[in-house]
Amino acid sequence: MECFDKLFTAFSVTVVVILFLVATVSAAITIIDKGNSNIYSAEKTEKQYFSNNFFVTEL
C-alpha cells in the first residue's frame, strides 16, 4: 500500500507540474502575441497548434 501512495504522490506532482507548464506557456503566448486582443490571440495560436498536430498525427 505504501508503494501505491508513493506512485499516487508522484503522479499528482507530475500532473500539477504539467498544468503549471501549460499555464505558463499560455501566459507567455498571451504576453508575446500582441494582436487585436491578447487572450484571443493566445487561444487562436493554441487552436492552430493543436489542429496542426492533429493533422500531422492523422497522416
C-alpha atoms as a PDB file:
ATOM      1  CA  MET A   1       0.000   0.000   0.000  1.00  0.00           C
ATOM      2  CA  GLU A   2       2.904   2.329   0.747  1.00  0.00           C
ATOM      3  CA  CYS A   3       4.191   1.807  -2.800  1.00  0.00           C
ATOM      4  CA  PHE A   4       0.796   2.846  -4.177  1.00  0.00           C
ATOM      5  CA  ASP A   5       0.851   6.014  -2.057  1.00  0.00           C
ATOM      6  CA  LYS A   6       4.278   6.952  -3.441  1.00  0.00           C
ATOM      7  CA  LEU A   7       3.133   6.309  -7.013  1.00  0.00           C
ATOM      8  CA  PHE A   8      -0.017   8.357  -6.462  1.00  0.00           C
ATOM      9  CA  THR A   9       2.002  11.252  -4.985  1.00  0.00           C
ATOM     10  CA  ALA A  10       4.437  11.178  -7.913  1.00  0.00           C
ATOM     11  CA  PHE A  11       1.530  11.129 -10.372  1.00  0.00           C
ATOM     12  CA  SER A  12      -0.171  14.072  -8.631  1.00  0.00           C
ATOM     13  CA  VAL A  13       3.049  16.099  -8.654  1.00  0.00           C
ATOM     14  CA  THR A  14       3.560  15.321 -12.362  1.00  0.00           C
ATOM     15  CA  VAL A  15       0.022  16.440 -13.229  1.00  0.00           C
ATOM     16  CA  VAL A  16       0.443  19.679 -11.270  1.00  0.00           C
ATOM     17  CA  VAL A  17       3.791  20.394 -12.978  1.00  0.00           C
ATOM     18  CA  ILE A  18       2.320  19.750 -16.446  1.00  0.00           C
ATOM     19  CA  LEU A  19      -0.668  22.010 -15.735  1.00  0.00           C
ATOM     20  CA  PHE A  20       1.694  24.707 -14.431  1.00  0.00           C
ATOM     21  CA  LEU A  21       3.830  24.477 -17.601  1.00  0.00           C
ATOM     22  CA  VAL A  22       0.751  24.683 -19.841  1.00  0.00           C
ATOM     23  CA  ALA A  23      -0.473  27.744 -17.929  1.00  0.00           C
ATOM     24  CA  THR A  24       2.971  29.356 -18.168  1.00  0.00           C
ATOM     25  CA  VAL A  25       3.203  28.755 -21.918  1.00  0.00           C
ATOM     26  CA  SER A  26      -0.319  30.120 -22.446  1.00  0.00           C
ATOM     27  CA  ALA A  27       0.565  33.223 -20.444  1.00  0.00           C
ATOM     28  CA  ALA A  28       3.791  33.656 -22.417  1.00  0.00           C
ATOM     29  CA  ILE A  29       1.901  33.392 -25.730  1.00  0.00           C
ATOM     30  CA  THR A  30      -0.627  35.938 -24.461  1.00  0.00           C
ATOM     31  CA  ILE A  31       2.128  38.399 -23.483  1.00  0.00           C
ATOM     32  CA  ILE A  32       4.278  37.902 -26.603  1.00  0.00           C
ATOM     33  CA  ASP A  33       1.472  37.865 -29.175  1.00  0.00           C
ATOM     34  CA  LYS A  34       0.174  41.446 -29.382  1.00  0.00           C
ATOM     35  CA  GLY A  35      -2.841  41.083 -31.655  1.00  0.00           C
ATOM     36  CA  ASN A  36      -6.285  42.717 -31.523  1.00  0.00           C
ATOM     37  CA  SER A  37      -6.849  41.036 -28.173  1.00  0.00           C
ATOM     38  CA  ASN A  38      -4.075  39.213 -26.332  1.00  0.00           C
ATOM     39  CA  ILE A  39      -6.348  36.482 -24.954  1.00  0.00           C
ATOM     40  CA  TYR A  40      -7.998  35.912 -28.330  1.00  0.00           C
ATOM     41  CA  SER A  41      -4.587  35.699 -29.998  1.00  0.00           C
ATOM     42  CA  ALA A  42      -3.354  33.139 -27.473  1.00  0.00           C
ATOM     43  CA  GLU A  43      -6.466  30.997 -27.981  1.00  0.00           C
ATOM     44  CA  LYS A  44      -6.092  31.223 -31.751  1.00  0.00           C
ATOM     45  CA  THR A  45      -2.412  30.237 -31.583  1.00  0.00           C
ATOM     46  CA  GLU A  46      -3.268  27.303 -29.310  1.00  0.00           C
ATOM     47  CA  LYS A  47      -6.059  26.062 -31.596  1.00  0.00           C
ATOM     48  CA  GLN A  48      -3.821  26.409 -34.644  1.00  0.00           C
ATOM     49  CA  TYR A  49      -1.041  24.478 -32.895  1.00  0.00           C
ATOM     50  CA  PHE A  50      -3.349  21.641 -31.864  1.00  0.00           C
ATOM     51  CA  SER A  51      -5.026  21.406 -35.278  1.00  0.00           C
ATOM     52  CA  ASN A  52      -1.579  21.263 -36.925  1.00  0.00           C
ATOM     53  CA  ASN A  53      -0.529  18.454 -34.575  1.00  0.00           C
ATOM     54  CA  PHE A  54      -3.797  16.604 -35.175  1.00  0.00           C
ATOM     55  CA  PHE A  55      -3.270  16.904 -38.917  1.00  0.00           C
ATOM     56  CA  VAL A  56       0.269  15.532 -38.614  1.00  0.00           C
ATOM     57  CA  THR A  57      -0.970  12.678 -36.395  1.00  0.00           C
ATOM     58  CA  GLU A  58      -3.670  11.735 -38.918  1.00  0.00           C
ATOM     59  CA  LEU A  59      -1.103  11.418 -41.710  1.00  0.00           C
END
